[in-house]
Amino acid sequence: MACHYYISVCVEESGGPTIPYNTGRVDMVDGATSDPDDRLPNADYGGKDKTVSNIRRIFYRMGFTDGEIVALMGAHAMGRCHTQDSGFWGPWSFAETTFSNEYFRLLVEER
């Protein structure tokens, strides 16, 4: 949940709009029923098709559409990945401190 807070702060600090944010879920008291092996990030499922399928499975379960998933993934335009979270290290784009479409451009051009 803290990740969403940081995303909203990053957007605001890079000149974007203020995004209201409230912590917590209304349908769960805590994460006791969450499968610890079924959470993001998990950066590699052995190929693009398997990774996309897993991302959809997780986010569909939360009621997201493909468009909403893509918009959420755009948060990778800023910041970097960390070994302890995903097994990878480094920026997601060449402009990690700039809010732009660089992440999406790289997805299309580098596939």
PDB file of N, CA and C in Angstrom:
ATOM      1  N   MET A   1       0.809  -1.181   0.000  1.00  0.00           N
ATOM      2  CA  MET A   1       0.000   0.000   0.000  1.00  0.00           C
ATOM      3  C   MET A   1       0.856   1.250   0.000  1.00  0.00           C
ATOM      4  N   ALA A   2       1.977   1.200   0.669  1.00  0.00           N
ATOM      5  CA  ALA A   2       2.849   2.362   0.706  1.00  0.00           C
ATOM      6  C   ALA A   2       3.308   2.727  -0.696  1.00  0.00           C
ATOM      7  N   CYS A   3       3.446   1.737  -1.573  1.00  0.00           N
ATOM      8  CA  CYS A   3       3.867   1.980  -2.943  1.00  0.00           C
ATOM      9  C   CYS A   3       2.931   2.972  -3.629  1.00  0.00           C
ATOM     10  N   HIS A   4       1.632   2.818  -3.460  1.00  0.00           N
ATOM     11  CA  HIS A   4       0.681   3.729  -4.093  1.00  0.00           C
ATOM     12  C   HIS A   4       0.840   5.144  -3.557  1.00  0.00           C
ATOM     13  N   TYR A   5       1.128   5.270  -2.280  1.00  0.00           N
ATOM     14  CA  TYR A   5       1.368   6.581  -1.698  1.00  0.00           C
ATOM     15  C   TYR A   5       2.587   7.225  -2.346  1.00  0.00           C
ATOM     16  N   TYR A   6       3.661   6.464  -2.488  1.00  0.00           N
ATOM     17  CA  TYR A   6       4.879   7.006  -3.075  1.00  0.00           C
ATOM     18  C   TYR A   6       4.659   7.393  -4.528  1.00  0.00           C
ATOM     19  N   ILE A   7       3.862   6.626  -5.245  1.00  0.00           N
ATOM     20  CA  ILE A   7       3.559   6.961  -6.634  1.00  0.00           C
ATOM     21  C   ILE A   7       2.854   8.312  -6.692  1.00  0.00           C
ATOM     22  N   SER A   8       1.847   8.507  -5.832  1.00  0.00           N
ATOM     23  CA  SER A   8       1.125   9.776  -5.863  1.00  0.00           C
ATOM     24  C   SER A   8       2.048  10.938  -5.496  1.00  0.00           C
ATOM     25  N   VAL A   9       2.956  10.734  -4.557  1.00  0.00           N
ATOM     26  CA  VAL A   9       3.914  11.779  -4.191  1.00  0.00           C
ATOM     27  C   VAL A   9       4.858  12.061  -5.354  1.00  0.00           C
ATOM     28  N   CYS A  10       5.336  11.020  -6.035  1.00  0.00           N
ATOM     29  CA  CYS A  10       6.235  11.199  -7.184  1.00  0.00           C
ATOM     30  C   CYS A  10       5.557  12.001  -8.283  1.00  0.00           C
ATOM     31  N   VAL A  11       4.309  11.677  -8.580  1.00  0.00           N
ATOM     32  CA  VAL A  11       3.579  12.410  -9.612  1.00  0.00           C
ATOM     33  C   VAL A  11       3.473  13.876  -9.231  1.00  0.00           C
ATOM     34  N   GLU A  12       3.078  14.146  -7.997  1.00  0.00           N
ATOM     35  CA  GLU A  12       2.923  15.526  -7.544  1.00  0.00           C
ATOM     36  C   GLU A  12       4.262  16.282  -7.550  1.00  0.00           C
ATOM     37  N   GLU A  13       5.316  15.658  -7.036  1.00  0.00           N
ATOM     38  CA  GLU A  13       6.619  16.308  -6.949  1.00  0.00           C
ATOM     39  C   GLU A  13       7.257  16.549  -8.316  1.00  0.00           C
ATOM     40  N   SER A  14       6.847  15.785  -9.326  1.00  0.00           N
ATOM     41  CA  SER A  14       7.408  15.994 -10.666  1.00  0.00           C
ATOM     42  C   SER A  14       6.539  16.921 -11.505  1.00  0.00           C
ATOM     43  N   GLY A  15       5.628  17.627 -10.838  1.00  0.00           N
ATOM     44  CA  GLY A  15       4.841  18.630 -11.531  1.00  0.00           C
ATOM     45  C   GLY A  15       3.447  18.187 -11.918  1.00  0.00           C
ATOM     46  N   GLY A  16       3.081  16.968 -11.590  1.00  0.00           N
ATOM     47  CA  GLY A  16       1.750  16.459 -11.928  1.00  0.00           C
ATOM     48  C   GLY A  16       0.715  16.875 -10.896  1.00  0.00           C
ATOM     49  N   PRO A  17      -0.493  16.390 -11.069  1.00  0.00           N
ATOM     50  CA  PRO A  17      -1.570  16.769 -10.152  1.00  0.00           C
ATOM     51  C   PRO A  17      -1.439  16.093  -8.789  1.00  0.00           C
ATOM     52  N   THR A  18      -2.103  16.655  -7.804  1.00  0.00           N
ATOM     53  CA  THR A  18      -2.195  16.029  -6.492  1.00  0.00           C
ATOM     54  C   THR A  18      -3.212  14.898  -6.598  1.00  0.00           C
ATOM     55  N   ILE A  19      -2.835  13.716  -6.156  1.00  0.00           N
ATOM     56  CA  ILE A  19      -3.712  12.546  -6.234  1.00  0.00           C
ATOM     57  C   ILE A  19      -4.128  12.173  -4.820  1.00  0.00           C
ATOM     58  N   PRO A  20      -5.412  12.287  -4.505  1.00  0.00           N
ATOM     59  CA  PRO A  20      -5.862  11.908  -3.162  1.00  0.00           C
ATOM     60  C   PRO A  20      -5.559  10.428  -2.899  1.00  0.00           C
ATOM     61  N   TYR A  21      -5.159  10.122  -1.690  1.00  0.00           N
ATOM     62  CA  TYR A  21      -4.818   8.741  -1.368  1.00  0.00           C
ATOM     63  C   TYR A  21      -5.230   8.419   0.061  1.00  0.00           C
ATOM     64  N   ASN A  22      -5.897   7.286   0.225  1.00  0.00           N
ATOM     65  CA  ASN A  22      -6.259   6.769   1.544  1.00  0.00           C
ATOM     66  C   ASN A  22      -5.680   5.374   1.682  1.00  0.00           C
ATOM     67  N   THR A  23      -5.061   5.087   2.807  1.00  0.00           N
ATOM     68  CA  THR A  23      -4.479   3.769   3.008  1.00  0.00           C
ATOM     69  C   THR A  23      -5.541   2.756   3.402  1.00  0.00           C
ATOM     70  N   GLY A  24      -5.244   1.515   3.147  1.00  0.00           N
ATOM     71  CA  GLY A  24      -6.105   0.426   3.602  1.00  0.00           C
ATOM     72  C   GLY A  24      -7.149  -0.005   2.596  1.00  0.00           C
ATOM     73  N   ARG A  25      -7.746  -1.147   2.879  1.00  0.00           N
ATOM     74  CA  ARG A  25      -8.811  -1.703   2.055  1.00  0.00           C
ATOM     75  C   ARG A  25     -10.072  -1.779   2.886  1.00  0.00           C
ATOM     76  N   VAL A  26     -11.191  -1.621   2.224  1.00  0.00           N
ATOM     77  CA  VAL A  26     -12.459  -1.696   2.948  1.00  0.00           C
ATOM     78  C   VAL A  26     -12.958  -3.134   3.063  1.00  0.00           C
ATOM     79  N   ASP A  27     -12.391  -4.047   2.269  1.00  0.00           N
ATOM     80  CA  ASP A  27     -12.895  -5.416   2.262  1.00  0.00           C
ATOM     81  C   ASP A  27     -12.029  -6.406   3.040  1.00  0.00           C
ATOM     82  N   MET A  28     -10.907  -5.982   3.592  1.00  0.00           N
ATOM     83  CA  MET A  28     -10.023  -6.870   4.342  1.00  0.00           C
ATOM     84  C   MET A  28      -9.476  -6.149   5.567  1.00  0.00           C
ATOM     85  N   VAL A  29      -9.451  -6.851   6.676  1.00  0.00           N
ATOM     86  CA  VAL A  29      -8.904  -6.265   7.902  1.00  0.00           C
ATOM     87  C   VAL A  29      -7.379  -6.233   7.853  1.00  0.00           C
ATOM     88  N   ASP A  30      -6.793  -7.314   7.333  1.00  0.00           N
ATOM     89  CA  ASP A  30      -5.342  -7.387   7.207  1.00  0.00           C
ATOM     90  C   ASP A  30      -5.005  -8.315   6.043  1.00  0.00           C
ATOM     91  N   GLY A  31      -3.751  -8.605   5.847  1.00  0.00           N
ATOM     92  CA  GLY A  31      -3.319  -9.433   4.732  1.00  0.00           C
ATOM     93  C   GLY A  31      -3.218 -10.907   5.058  1.00  0.00           C
ATOM     94  N   ALA A  32      -3.877 -11.359   6.114  1.00  0.00           N
ATOM     95  CA  ALA A  32      -3.748 -12.744   6.573  1.00  0.00           C
ATOM     96  C   ALA A  32      -4.162 -13.763   5.516  1.00  0.00           C
ATOM     97  N   THR A  33      -5.091 -13.415   4.629  1.00  0.00           N
ATOM     98  CA  THR A  33      -5.549 -14.379   3.625  1.00  0.00           C
ATOM     99  C   THR A  33      -4.785 -14.265   2.312  1.00  0.00           C
ATOM    100  N   SER A  34      -3.814 -13.355   2.243  1.00  0.00           N
ATOM    101  CA  SER A  34      -3.035 -13.179   1.020  1.00  0.00           C
ATOM    102  C   SER A  34      -1.988 -14.274   0.898  1.00  0.00           C
ATOM    103  N   ASP A  35      -1.839 -14.792  -0.309  1.00  0.00           N
ATOM    104  CA  ASP A  35      -0.816 -15.785  -0.592  1.00  0.00           C
ATOM    105  C   ASP A  35       0.521 -15.059  -0.755  1.00  0.00           C
ATOM    106  N   PRO A  36       1.512 -15.315   0.105  1.00  0.00           N
ATOM    107  CA  PRO A  36       2.789 -14.596   0.024  1.00  0.00           C
ATOM    108  C   PRO A  36       3.534 -14.852  -1.275  1.00  0.00           C
ATOM    109  N   ASP A  37       3.207 -15.934  -1.992  1.00  0.00           N
ATOM    110  CA  ASP A  37       3.864 -16.226  -3.259  1.00  0.00           C
ATOM    111  C   ASP A  37       3.080 -15.683  -4.445  1.00  0.00           C
ATOM    112  N   ASP A  38       2.034 -14.938  -4.197  1.00  0.00           N
ATOM    113  CA  ASP A  38       1.151 -14.480  -5.263  1.00  0.00           C
ATOM    114  C   ASP A  38       1.008 -12.968  -5.236  1.00  0.00           C
ATOM    115  N   ARG A  39       2.121 -12.300  -4.969  1.00  0.00           N
ATOM    116  CA  ARG A  39       2.094 -10.844  -4.910  1.00  0.00           C
ATOM    117  C   ARG A  39       3.097 -10.285  -5.909  1.00  0.00           C
ATOM    118  N   LEU A  40       2.902  -9.058  -6.285  1.00  0.00           N
ATOM    119  CA  LEU A  40       3.866  -8.357  -7.106  1.00  0.00           C
ATOM    120  C   LEU A  40       4.812  -7.621  -6.164  1.00  0.00           C
ATOM    121  N   PRO A  41       6.031  -7.316  -6.530  1.00  0.00           N
ATOM    122  CA  PRO A  41       6.622  -7.640  -7.806  1.00  0.00           C
ATOM    123  C   PRO A  41       7.215  -9.045  -7.832  1.00  0.00           C
ATOM    124  N   ASN A  42       7.132  -9.628  -8.927  1.00  0.00           N
ATOM    125  CA  ASN A  42       7.805 -10.869  -9.259  1.00  0.00           C
ATOM    126  C   ASN A  42       8.106 -10.717 -10.739  1.00  0.00           C
ATOM    127  N   ALA A  43       9.298 -10.308 -11.043  1.00  0.00           N
ATOM    128  CA  ALA A  43       9.609  -9.741 -12.349  1.00  0.00           C
ATOM    129  C   ALA A  43       9.762 -10.725 -13.491  1.00  0.00           C
ATOM    130  N   ASP A  44       9.887 -12.005 -13.239  1.00  0.00           N
ATOM    131  CA  ASP A  44      10.153 -12.903 -14.352  1.00  0.00           C
ATOM    132  C   ASP A  44       9.471 -14.250 -14.138  1.00  0.00           C
ATOM    133  N   TYR A  45       8.559 -14.561 -15.020  1.00  0.00           N
ATOM    134  CA  TYR A  45       7.863 -15.846 -14.959  1.00  0.00           C
ATOM    135  C   TYR A  45       8.276 -16.756 -16.107  1.00  0.00           C
ATOM    136  N   GLY A  46       9.443 -16.491 -16.699  1.00  0.00           N
ATOM    137  CA  GLY A  46       9.953 -17.367 -17.735  1.00  0.00           C
ATOM    138  C   GLY A  46       9.579 -16.963 -19.138  1.00  0.00           C
ATOM    139  N   GLY A  47       9.091 -15.788 -19.332  1.00  0.00           N
ATOM    140  CA  GLY A  47       8.762 -15.309 -20.665  1.00  0.00           C
ATOM    141  C   GLY A  47       7.666 -14.270 -20.620  1.00  0.00           C
ATOM    142  N   LYS A  48       7.615 -13.460 -21.673  1.00  0.00           N
ATOM    143  CA  LYS A  48       6.657 -12.360 -21.739  1.00  0.00           C
ATOM    144  C   LYS A  48       5.217 -12.835 -21.562  1.00  0.00           C
ATOM    145  N   ASP A  49       4.838 -13.909 -22.255  1.00  0.00           N
ATOM    146  CA  ASP A  49       3.450 -14.390 -22.176  1.00  0.00           C
ATOM    147  C   ASP A  49       3.083 -14.829 -20.764  1.00  0.00           C
ATOM    148  N   LYS A  50       4.007 -15.485 -20.077  1.00  0.00           N
ATOM    149  CA  LYS A  50       3.729 -15.936 -18.713  1.00  0.00           C
ATOM    150  C   LYS A  50       3.688 -14.762 -17.732  1.00  0.00           C
ATOM    151  N   THR A  51       4.571 -13.784 -17.922  1.00  0.00           N
ATOM    152  CA  THR A  51       4.585 -12.613 -17.049  1.00  0.00           C
ATOM    153  C   THR A  51       3.307 -11.805 -17.230  1.00  0.00           C
ATOM    154  N   VAL A  52       2.901 -11.562 -18.469  1.00  0.00           N
ATOM    155  CA  VAL A  52       1.667 -10.814 -18.743  1.00  0.00           C
ATOM    156  C   VAL A  52       0.466 -11.561 -18.168  1.00  0.00           C
ATOM    157  N   SER A  53       0.427 -12.859 -18.347  1.00  0.00           N
ATOM    158  CA  SER A  53      -0.672 -13.668 -17.814  1.00  0.00           C
ATOM    159  C   SER A  53      -0.760 -13.556 -16.299  1.00  0.00           C
ATOM    160  N   ASN A  54       0.389 -13.580 -15.623  1.00  0.00           N
ATOM    161  CA  ASN A  54       0.390 -13.477 -14.167  1.00  0.00           C
ATOM    162  C   ASN A  54      -0.046 -12.092 -13.699  1.00  0.00           C
ATOM    163  N   ILE A  55       0.433 -11.052 -14.363  1.00  0.00           N
ATOM    164  CA  ILE A  55       0.022  -9.689 -13.992  1.00  0.00           C
ATOM    165  C   ILE A  55      -1.488  -9.549 -14.150  1.00  0.00           C
ATOM    166  N   ARG A  56      -2.025 -10.047 -15.262  1.00  0.00           N
ATOM    167  CA  ARG A  56      -3.471  -9.975 -15.462  1.00  0.00           C
ATOM    168  C   ARG A  56      -4.214 -10.761 -14.385  1.00  0.00           C
ATOM    169  N   ARG A  57      -3.755 -11.947 -14.066  1.00  0.00           N
ATOM    170  CA  ARG A  57      -4.427 -12.774 -13.062  1.00  0.00           C
ATOM    171  C   ARG A  57      -4.514 -12.036 -11.724  1.00  0.00           C
ATOM    172  N   ILE A  58      -3.412 -11.437 -11.313  1.00  0.00           N
ATOM    173  CA  ILE A  58      -3.378 -10.735 -10.034  1.00  0.00           C
ATOM    174  C   ILE A  58      -4.272  -9.502 -10.055  1.00  0.00           C
ATOM    175  N   PHE A  59      -4.162  -8.686 -11.097  1.00  0.00           N
ATOM    176  CA  PHE A  59      -4.928  -7.446 -11.124  1.00  0.00           C
ATOM    177  C   PHE A  59      -6.394  -7.656 -11.486  1.00  0.00           C
ATOM    178  N   TYR A  60      -6.704  -8.655 -12.303  1.00  0.00           N
ATOM    179  CA  TYR A  60      -8.118  -8.962 -12.582  1.00  0.00           C
ATOM    180  C   TYR A  60      -8.824  -9.336 -11.284  1.00  0.00           C
ATOM    181  N   ARG A  61      -8.119 -10.062 -10.430  1.00  0.00           N
ATOM    182  CA  ARG A  61      -8.682 -10.469  -9.146  1.00  0.00           C
ATOM    183  C   ARG A  61      -9.086  -9.248  -8.308  1.00  0.00           C
ATOM    184  N   MET A  62      -8.395  -8.135  -8.531  1.00  0.00           N
ATOM    185  CA  MET A  62      -8.692  -6.904  -7.799  1.00  0.00           C
ATOM    186  C   MET A  62      -9.643  -5.990  -8.561  1.00  0.00           C
ATOM    187  N   GLY A  63     -10.143  -6.460  -9.706  1.00  0.00           N
ATOM    188  CA  GLY A  63     -11.126  -5.693 -10.458  1.00  0.00           C
ATOM    189  C   GLY A  63     -10.556  -4.710 -11.462  1.00  0.00           C
ATOM    190  N   PHE A  64      -9.265  -4.768 -11.745  1.00  0.00           N
ATOM    191  CA  PHE A  64      -8.662  -3.855 -12.709  1.00  0.00           C
ATOM    192  C   PHE A  64      -8.943  -4.308 -14.140  1.00  0.00           C
ATOM    193  N   THR A  65      -9.070  -3.346 -15.053  1.00  0.00           N
ATOM    194  CA  THR A  65      -9.161  -3.636 -16.485  1.00  0.00           C
ATOM    195  C   THR A  65      -7.753  -3.606 -17.065  1.00  0.00           C
ATOM    196  N   ASP A  66      -7.597  -4.061 -18.309  1.00  0.00           N
ATOM    197  CA  ASP A  66      -6.277  -3.997 -18.941  1.00  0.00           C
ATOM    198  C   ASP A  66      -5.767  -2.561 -19.002  1.00  0.00           C
ATOM    199  N   GLY A  67      -6.646  -1.613 -19.330  1.00  0.00           N
ATOM    200  CA  GLY A  67      -6.243  -0.209 -19.389  1.00  0.00           C
ATOM    201  C   GLY A  67      -5.761   0.309 -18.058  1.00  0.00           C
ATOM    202  N   GLU A  68      -6.454  -0.076 -16.992  1.00  0.00           N
ATOM    203  CA  GLU A  68      -6.045   0.352 -15.644  1.00  0.00           C
ATOM    204  C   GLU A  68      -4.725  -0.289 -15.237  1.00  0.00           C
ATOM    205  N   ILE A  69      -4.517  -1.538 -15.648  1.00  0.00           N
ATOM    206  CA  ILE A  69      -3.249  -2.217 -15.361  1.00  0.00           C
ATOM    207  C   ILE A  69      -2.104  -1.488 -16.051  1.00  0.00           C
ATOM    208  N   VAL A  70      -2.295  -1.150 -17.319  1.00  0.00           N
ATOM    209  CA  VAL A  70      -1.256  -0.438 -18.067  1.00  0.00           C
ATOM    210  C   VAL A  70      -0.952   0.905 -17.413  1.00  0.00           C
ATOM    211  N   ALA A  71      -1.996   1.632 -17.012  1.00  0.00           N
ATOM    212  CA  ALA A  71      -1.784   2.927 -16.357  1.00  0.00           C
ATOM    213  C   ALA A  71      -0.997   2.754 -15.059  1.00  0.00           C
ATOM    214  N   LEU A  72      -1.338   1.747 -14.279  1.00  0.00           N
ATOM    215  CA  LEU A  72      -0.633   1.494 -13.027  1.00  0.00           C
ATOM    216  C   LEU A  72       0.825   1.117 -13.286  1.00  0.00           C
ATOM    217  N   MET A  73       1.067   0.302 -14.302  1.00  0.00           N
ATOM    218  CA  MET A  73       2.438  -0.085 -14.629  1.00  0.00           C
ATOM    219  C   MET A  73       3.269   1.124 -15.050  1.00  0.00           C
ATOM    220  N   GLY A  74       2.595   2.183 -15.518  1.00  0.00           N
ATOM    221  CA  GLY A  74       3.304   3.399 -15.907  1.00  0.00           C
ATOM    222  C   GLY A  74       4.048   4.040 -14.763  1.00  0.00           C
ATOM    223  N   ALA A  75       3.729   3.656 -13.535  1.00  0.00           N
ATOM    224  CA  ALA A  75       4.473   4.169 -12.382  1.00  0.00           C
ATOM    225  C   ALA A  75       5.944   3.786 -12.477  1.00  0.00           C
ATOM    226  N   HIS A  76       6.243   2.770 -13.277  1.00  0.00           N
ATOM    227  CA  HIS A  76       7.634   2.374 -13.460  1.00  0.00           C
ATOM    228  C   HIS A  76       8.437   3.407 -14.240  1.00  0.00           C
ATOM    229  N   ALA A  77       7.756   4.422 -14.769  1.00  0.00           N
ATOM    230  CA  ALA A  77       8.466   5.484 -15.475  1.00  0.00           C
ATOM    231  C   ALA A  77       9.422   6.208 -14.535  1.00  0.00           C
ATOM    232  N   MET A  78       9.120   6.163 -13.260  1.00  0.00           N
ATOM    233  CA  MET A  78       9.971   6.833 -12.280  1.00  0.00           C
ATOM    234  C   MET A  78      10.557   5.801 -11.324  1.00  0.00           C
ATOM    235  N   GLY A  79      11.773   6.064 -10.884  1.00  0.00           N
ATOM    236  CA  GLY A  79      12.382   5.175  -9.904  1.00  0.00           C
ATOM    237  C   GLY A  79      13.148   4.029 -10.530  1.00  0.00           C
ATOM    238  N   ARG A  80      13.391   3.036  -9.717  1.00  0.00           N
ATOM    239  CA  ARG A  80      14.197   1.894 -10.162  1.00  0.00           C
ATOM    240  C   ARG A  80      13.758   0.623  -9.457  1.00  0.00           C
ATOM    241  N   CYS A  81      14.188  -0.499  -9.992  1.00  0.00           N
ATOM    242  CA  CYS A  81      13.878  -1.773  -9.343  1.00  0.00           C
ATOM    243  C   CYS A  81      14.988  -2.083  -8.338  1.00  0.00           C
ATOM    244  N   HIS A  82      14.642  -2.896  -7.361  1.00  0.00           N
ATOM    245  CA  HIS A  82      15.575  -3.239  -6.285  1.00  0.00           C
ATOM    246  C   HIS A  82      15.666  -4.751  -6.152  1.00  0.00           C
ATOM    247  N   THR A  83      16.870  -5.236  -5.991  1.00  0.00           N
ATOM    248  CA  THR A  83      17.133  -6.680  -5.951  1.00  0.00           C
ATOM    249  C   THR A  83      16.259  -7.406  -4.936  1.00  0.00           C
ATOM    250  N   GLN A  84      16.087  -6.838  -3.751  1.00  0.00           N
ATOM    251  CA  GLN A  84      15.324  -7.524  -2.711  1.00  0.00           C
ATOM    252  C   GLN A  84      13.846  -7.658  -3.066  1.00  0.00           C
ATOM    253  N   ASP A  85      13.346  -6.813  -3.957  1.00  0.00           N
ATOM    254  CA  ASP A  85      11.936  -6.872  -4.324  1.00  0.00           C
ATOM    255  C   ASP A  85      11.669  -7.697  -5.572  1.00  0.00           C
ATOM    256  N   SER A  86      12.561  -7.613  -6.561  1.00  0.00           N
ATOM    257  CA  SER A  86      12.270  -8.232  -7.843  1.00  0.00           C
ATOM    258  C   SER A  86      13.378  -9.118  -8.388  1.00  0.00           C
ATOM    259  N   GLY A  87      14.535  -9.087  -7.779  1.00  0.00           N
ATOM    260  CA  GLY A  87      15.656  -9.842  -8.308  1.00  0.00           C
ATOM    261  C   GLY A  87      16.443  -9.060  -9.348  1.00  0.00           C
ATOM    262  N   PHE A  88      15.987  -7.864  -9.662  1.00  0.00           N
ATOM    263  CA  PHE A  88      16.655  -7.013 -10.641  1.00  0.00           C
ATOM    264  C   PHE A  88      17.067  -5.718  -9.962  1.00  0.00           C
ATOM    265  N   TRP A  89      18.071  -5.028 -10.545  1.00  0.00           N
ATOM    266  CA  TRP A  89      18.532  -3.777  -9.978  1.00  0.00           C
ATOM    267  C   TRP A  89      18.712  -2.759 -11.097  1.00  0.00           C
ATOM    268  N   GLY A  90      18.292  -1.542 -10.845  1.00  0.00           N
ATOM    269  CA  GLY A  90      18.526  -0.451 -11.778  1.00  0.00           C
ATOM    270  C   GLY A  90      17.258   0.260 -12.181  1.00  0.00           C
ATOM    271  N   PRO A  91      17.404   1.346 -12.952  1.00  0.00           N
ATOM    272  CA  PRO A  91      16.243   2.129 -13.364  1.00  0.00           C
ATOM    273  C   PRO A  91      15.391   1.384 -14.384  1.00  0.00           C
ATOM    274  N   TRP A  92      14.107   1.691 -14.384  1.00  0.00           N
ATOM    275  CA  TRP A  92      13.181   1.102 -15.349  1.00  0.00           C
ATOM    276  C   TRP A  92      13.255   1.815 -16.688  1.00  0.00           C
ATOM    277  N   SER A  93      13.783   3.032 -16.680  1.00  0.00           N
ATOM    278  CA  SER A  93      13.870   3.819 -17.910  1.00  0.00           C
ATOM    279  C   SER A  93      15.157   4.631 -17.864  1.00  0.00           C
ATOM    280  N   PHE A  94      15.426   5.372 -18.947  1.00  0.00           N
ATOM    281  CA  PHE A  94      16.629   6.195 -19.000  1.00  0.00           C
ATOM    282  C   PHE A  94      16.406   7.556 -18.343  1.00  0.00           C
ATOM    283  N   ALA A  95      15.195   7.822 -17.917  1.00  0.00           N
ATOM    284  CA  ALA A  95      14.867   9.112 -17.305  1.00  0.00           C
ATOM    285  C   ALA A  95      14.130   8.863 -15.996  1.00  0.00           C
ATOM    286  N   GLU A  96      14.788   8.213 -15.067  1.00  0.00           N
ATOM    287  CA  GLU A  96      14.124   7.732 -13.856  1.00  0.00           C
ATOM    288  C   GLU A  96      13.606   8.809 -12.921  1.00  0.00           C
ATOM    289  N   THR A  97      14.015  10.055 -13.104  1.00  0.00           N
ATOM    290  CA  THR A  97      13.509  11.124 -12.247  1.00  0.00           C
ATOM    291  C   THR A  97      12.561  12.060 -12.998  1.00  0.00           C
ATOM    292  N   THR A  98      12.146  11.659 -14.186  1.00  0.00           N
ATOM    293  CA  THR A  98      11.251  12.471 -15.008  1.00  0.00           C
ATOM    294  C   THR A  98       9.970  11.708 -15.285  1.00  0.00           C
ATOM    295  N   PHE A  99       8.838  12.358 -15.037  1.00  0.00           N
ATOM    296  CA  PHE A  99       7.546  11.743 -15.318  1.00  0.00           C
ATOM    297  C   PHE A  99       7.283  11.866 -16.813  1.00  0.00           C
ATOM    298  N   SER A 100       7.317  10.746 -17.516  1.00  0.00           N
ATOM    299  CA  SER A 100       7.195  10.762 -18.975  1.00  0.00           C
ATOM    300  C   SER A 100       6.626   9.431 -19.450  1.00  0.00           C
ATOM    301  N   ASN A 101       6.580   9.255 -20.765  1.00  0.00           N
ATOM    302  CA  ASN A 101       6.131   7.980 -21.320  1.00  0.00           C
ATOM    303  C   ASN A 101       7.307   7.063 -21.670  1.00  0.00           C
ATOM    304  N   GLU A 102       8.481   7.361 -21.140  1.00  0.00           N
ATOM    305  CA  GLU A 102       9.695   6.601 -21.441  1.00  0.00           C
ATOM    306  C   GLU A 102       9.544   5.103 -21.167  1.00  0.00           C
ATOM    307  N   TYR A 103       8.913   4.739 -20.065  1.00  0.00           N
ATOM    308  CA  TYR A 103       8.728   3.328 -19.729  1.00  0.00           C
ATOM    309  C   TYR A 103       7.931   2.620 -20.820  1.00  0.00           C
ATOM    310  N   PHE A 104       6.831   3.231 -21.247  1.00  0.00           N
ATOM    311  CA  PHE A 104       5.999   2.624 -22.292  1.00  0.00           C
ATOM    312  C   PHE A 104       6.736   2.563 -23.631  1.00  0.00           C
ATOM    313  N   ARG A 105       7.483   3.618 -23.943  1.00  0.00           N
ATOM    314  CA  ARG A 105       8.248   3.639 -25.192  1.00  0.00           C
ATOM    315  C   ARG A 105       9.249   2.484 -25.207  1.00  0.00           C
ATOM    316  N   LEU A 106       9.928   2.284 -24.085  1.00  0.00           N
ATOM    317  CA  LEU A 106      10.899   1.193 -24.012  1.00  0.00           C
ATOM    318  C   LEU A 106      10.225  -0.177 -24.134  1.00  0.00           C
ATOM    319  N   LEU A 107       9.048  -0.319 -23.547  1.00  0.00           N
ATOM    320  CA  LEU A 107       8.333  -1.591 -23.670  1.00  0.00           C
ATOM    321  C   LEU A 107       8.060  -1.931 -25.128  1.00  0.00           C
ATOM    322  N   VAL A 108       7.675  -0.929 -25.892  1.00  0.00           N
ATOM    323  CA  VAL A 108       7.370  -1.150 -27.321  1.00  0.00           C
ATOM    324  C   VAL A 108       8.645  -1.363 -28.127  1.00  0.00           C
ATOM    325  N   GLU A 109       9.645  -0.538 -27.897  1.00  0.00           N
ATOM    326  CA  GLU A 109      10.854  -0.573 -28.716  1.00  0.00           C
ATOM    327  C   GLU A 109      11.831  -1.672 -28.354  1.00  0.00           C
ATOM    328  N   GLU A 110      11.855  -2.111 -27.106  1.00  0.00           N
ATOM    329  CA  GLU A 110      12.855  -3.071 -26.658  1.00  0.00           C
ATOM    330  C   GLU A 110      12.343  -4.497 -26.549  1.00  0.00           C
ATOM    331  N   ARG A 111      11.145  -4.742 -26.959  1.00  0.00           N
ATOM    332  CA  ARG A 111      10.580  -6.091 -26.783  1.00  0.00           C
ATOM    333  C   ARG A 111      11.240  -7.030 -27.665  1.00  0.00           C
TER     334      ARG A 111
END
